[in-house]
Amino acid sequence: MEKSFIVKFVKEKRKGVYNAIVQTYSTILNGHHTTLMKNLIEIDLEKNTGERIELNYDSLIKAVRRSLINNNRKSKRGTPFSPKANRYDFKDDHEIDESKKSKPGSFKI
């Protein structure tokens, strides 16, 4: 999205503008501190449009978290099992090695 539109939408307090900001600046927002990135985004928008805007910290944080959660969900959709499903490896008595067998009546998880 063009940065002039972002500034316009922030001034109008339009719904979804922070999601657009996160998509536009996704390369710098993912790995860095959000307060620092908020200031850098404000400076970048001011340089490109010549207008000073103030971004809401809480709204930006919510949009970043929402995008990270959606990205994590999309990346996990391709896997048939969740990581917790492979956590325990249950075996029958004949599948366990003799050295790893415990006393009758006791077990380990």
C-alpha atoms as a PDB file:
ATOM      1  CA  MET A   1       0.000   0.000   0.000  1.00  0.00           C
ATOM      2  CA  GLU A   2       1.256   3.470  -0.770  1.00  0.00           C
ATOM      3  CA  LYS A   3       2.492   5.427   2.190  1.00  0.00           C
ATOM      4  CA  SER A   4       0.384   8.479   1.340  1.00  0.00           C
ATOM      5  CA  PHE A   5      -2.738   6.322   1.676  1.00  0.00           C
ATOM      6  CA  ILE A   6      -1.506   4.975   5.020  1.00  0.00           C
ATOM      7  CA  VAL A   7      -1.076   8.517   6.364  1.00  0.00           C
ATOM      8  CA  LYS A   8      -4.513   9.478   5.061  1.00  0.00           C
ATOM      9  CA  PHE A   9      -6.162   6.434   6.651  1.00  0.00           C
ATOM     10  CA  VAL A  10      -4.402   6.974   9.995  1.00  0.00           C
ATOM     11  CA  LYS A  11      -5.678  10.552  10.113  1.00  0.00           C
ATOM     12  CA  GLU A  12      -9.203   9.348   9.297  1.00  0.00           C
ATOM     13  CA  LYS A  13      -8.856   6.606  11.955  1.00  0.00           C
ATOM     14  CA  ARG A  14      -9.968   3.954   9.502  1.00  0.00           C
ATOM     15  CA  LYS A  15     -10.425   0.365  10.559  1.00  0.00           C
ATOM     16  CA  GLY A  16      -7.618  -1.984   9.457  1.00  0.00           C
ATOM     17  CA  VAL A  17      -4.967   0.662   8.870  1.00  0.00           C
ATOM     18  CA  TYR A  18      -2.577  -0.900  11.396  1.00  0.00           C
ATOM     19  CA  ASN A  19      -2.867  -4.252   9.631  1.00  0.00           C
ATOM     20  CA  ALA A  20      -1.876  -2.477   6.418  1.00  0.00           C
ATOM     21  CA  ILE A  21       1.083  -0.884   8.209  1.00  0.00           C
ATOM     22  CA  VAL A  22       2.214  -4.291   9.473  1.00  0.00           C
ATOM     23  CA  GLN A  23       1.960  -5.772   5.979  1.00  0.00           C
ATOM     24  CA  THR A  24       3.875  -2.850   4.477  1.00  0.00           C
ATOM     25  CA  TYR A  25       6.651  -2.931   7.080  1.00  0.00           C
ATOM     26  CA  SER A  26       6.610  -6.689   7.785  1.00  0.00           C
ATOM     27  CA  THR A  27      10.306  -7.128   7.008  1.00  0.00           C
ATOM     28  CA  ILE A  28      11.418  -4.848   9.850  1.00  0.00           C
ATOM     29  CA  LEU A  29       8.628  -5.540  12.357  1.00  0.00           C
ATOM     30  CA  ASN A  30       9.106  -9.283  12.764  1.00  0.00           C
ATOM     31  CA  GLY A  31      12.466  -9.365  14.464  1.00  0.00           C
ATOM     32  CA  HIS A  32      12.866  -6.044  16.212  1.00  0.00           C
ATOM     33  CA  HIS A  33      11.572  -4.140  19.209  1.00  0.00           C
ATOM     34  CA  THR A  34       8.174  -2.633  18.434  1.00  0.00           C
ATOM     35  CA  THR A  35       8.722   0.726  20.163  1.00  0.00           C
ATOM     36  CA  LEU A  36      11.815   1.350  18.079  1.00  0.00           C
ATOM     37  CA  MET A  37      10.040   0.245  14.920  1.00  0.00           C
ATOM     38  CA  LYS A  38       7.071   2.514  15.712  1.00  0.00           C
ATOM     39  CA  ASN A  39       9.416   5.499  15.771  1.00  0.00           C
ATOM     40  CA  LEU A  40      11.146   4.393  12.552  1.00  0.00           C
ATOM     41  CA  ILE A  41       7.810   3.946  10.773  1.00  0.00           C
ATOM     42  CA  GLU A  42       6.679   7.404  11.878  1.00  0.00           C
ATOM     43  CA  ILE A  43       9.932   8.925  10.590  1.00  0.00           C
ATOM     44  CA  ASP A  44       9.691   7.015   7.286  1.00  0.00           C
ATOM     45  CA  LEU A  45       6.087   8.094   6.719  1.00  0.00           C
ATOM     46  CA  GLU A  46       7.015  11.692   7.522  1.00  0.00           C
ATOM     47  CA  LYS A  47       9.903  11.609   5.021  1.00  0.00           C
ATOM     48  CA  ASN A  48       7.759  10.175   2.235  1.00  0.00           C
ATOM     49  CA  THR A  49       4.644  12.298   2.719  1.00  0.00           C
ATOM     50  CA  GLY A  50       5.870  15.378   4.566  1.00  0.00           C
ATOM     51  CA  GLU A  51       3.127  15.042   7.189  1.00  0.00           C
ATOM     52  CA  ARG A  52       3.752  14.198  10.839  1.00  0.00           C
ATOM     53  CA  ILE A  53       1.527  11.432  12.240  1.00  0.00           C
ATOM     54  CA  GLU A  54       1.402   9.730  15.621  1.00  0.00           C
ATOM     55  CA  LEU A  55       0.850   5.964  15.634  1.00  0.00           C
ATOM     56  CA  ASN A  56      -0.946   4.285  18.516  1.00  0.00           C
ATOM     57  CA  TYR A  57       1.431   1.850  20.225  1.00  0.00           C
ATOM     58  CA  ASP A  58      -1.274  -0.540  21.469  1.00  0.00           C
ATOM     59  CA  SER A  59      -2.950  -0.812  18.078  1.00  0.00           C
ATOM     60  CA  LEU A  60       0.375  -1.470  16.388  1.00  0.00           C
ATOM     61  CA  ILE A  61       1.241  -4.193  18.923  1.00  0.00           C
ATOM     62  CA  LYS A  62      -2.136  -5.884  18.409  1.00  0.00           C
ATOM     63  CA  ALA A  63      -1.703  -5.850  14.647  1.00  0.00           C
ATOM     64  CA  VAL A  64       1.819  -7.292  14.896  1.00  0.00           C
ATOM     65  CA  ARG A  65       0.677 -10.070  17.225  1.00  0.00           C
ATOM     66  CA  ARG A  66      -2.301 -10.839  14.996  1.00  0.00           C
ATOM     67  CA  SER A  67      -0.072 -11.152  11.938  1.00  0.00           C
ATOM     68  CA  LEU A  68       2.424 -13.368  13.786  1.00  0.00           C
ATOM     69  CA  ILE A  69      -0.360 -15.672  14.979  1.00  0.00           C
ATOM     70  CA  ASN A  70      -1.825 -15.906  11.478  1.00  0.00           C
ATOM     71  CA  ASN A  71       1.601 -16.658   9.996  1.00  0.00           C
ATOM     72  CA  ASN A  72       2.189 -19.401  12.581  1.00  0.00           C
ATOM     73  CA  ARG A  73      -1.202 -20.955  11.834  1.00  0.00           C
ATOM     74  CA  LYS A  74      -0.548 -20.912   8.098  1.00  0.00           C
ATOM     75  CA  SER A  75       2.845 -22.559   8.523  1.00  0.00           C
ATOM     76  CA  LYS A  76       1.420 -25.333  10.732  1.00  0.00           C
ATOM     77  CA  ARG A  77      -1.493 -26.177   8.425  1.00  0.00           C
ATOM     78  CA  GLY A  78       0.686 -28.328   6.207  1.00  0.00           C
ATOM     79  CA  THR A  79       1.777 -30.646   9.015  1.00  0.00           C
ATOM     80  CA  PRO A  80      -0.538 -33.606   9.646  1.00  0.00           C
ATOM     81  CA  PHE A  81       0.222 -33.845  13.367  1.00  0.00           C
ATOM     82  CA  SER A  82       0.832 -31.241  15.986  1.00  0.00           C
ATOM     83  CA  PRO A  83       4.182 -31.272  17.830  1.00  0.00           C
ATOM     84  CA  LYS A  84       2.466 -32.408  21.022  1.00  0.00           C
ATOM     85  CA  ALA A  85       1.151 -35.533  19.298  1.00  0.00           C
ATOM     86  CA  ASN A  86       4.686 -36.904  18.955  1.00  0.00           C
ATOM     87  CA  ARG A  87       5.582 -36.148  22.553  1.00  0.00           C
ATOM     88  CA  TYR A  88       4.965 -39.639  23.946  1.00  0.00           C
ATOM     89  CA  ASP A  89       6.114 -42.817  22.275  1.00  0.00           C
ATOM     90  CA  PHE A  90       3.988 -45.685  23.567  1.00  0.00           C
ATOM     91  CA  LYS A  91       5.205 -49.216  22.900  1.00  0.00           C
ATOM     92  CA  ASP A  92       3.891 -52.673  23.654  1.00  0.00           C
ATOM     93  CA  ASP A  93       5.823 -55.075  25.869  1.00  0.00           C
ATOM     94  CA  HIS A  94       7.277 -57.024  22.959  1.00  0.00           C
ATOM     95  CA  GLU A  95       8.556 -53.794  21.305  1.00  0.00           C
ATOM     96  CA  ILE A  96      10.663 -52.686  24.297  1.00  0.00           C
ATOM     97  CA  ASP A  97      14.295 -53.796  24.594  1.00  0.00           C
ATOM     98  CA  GLU A  98      15.082 -56.094  27.509  1.00  0.00           C
ATOM     99  CA  SER A  99      17.515 -53.565  28.967  1.00  0.00           C
ATOM    100  CA  LYS A 100      14.857 -50.838  29.102  1.00  0.00           C
ATOM    101  CA  LYS A 101      12.113 -52.927  30.712  1.00  0.00           C
ATOM    102  CA  SER A 102      11.103 -51.954  34.227  1.00  0.00           C
ATOM    103  CA  LYS A 103       9.677 -53.989  37.053  1.00  0.00           C
ATOM    104  CA  PRO A 104       6.107 -55.206  36.677  1.00  0.00           C
ATOM    105  CA  GLY A 105       3.601 -52.630  37.864  1.00  0.00           C
ATOM    106  CA  SER A 106       5.872 -49.599  37.347  1.00  0.00           C
ATOM    107  CA  PHE A 107       6.186 -47.453  34.276  1.00  0.00           C
ATOM    108  CA  LYS A 108       7.769 -44.258  33.003  1.00  0.00           C
ATOM    109  CA  ILE A 109       6.293 -41.579  30.802  1.00  0.00           C
END
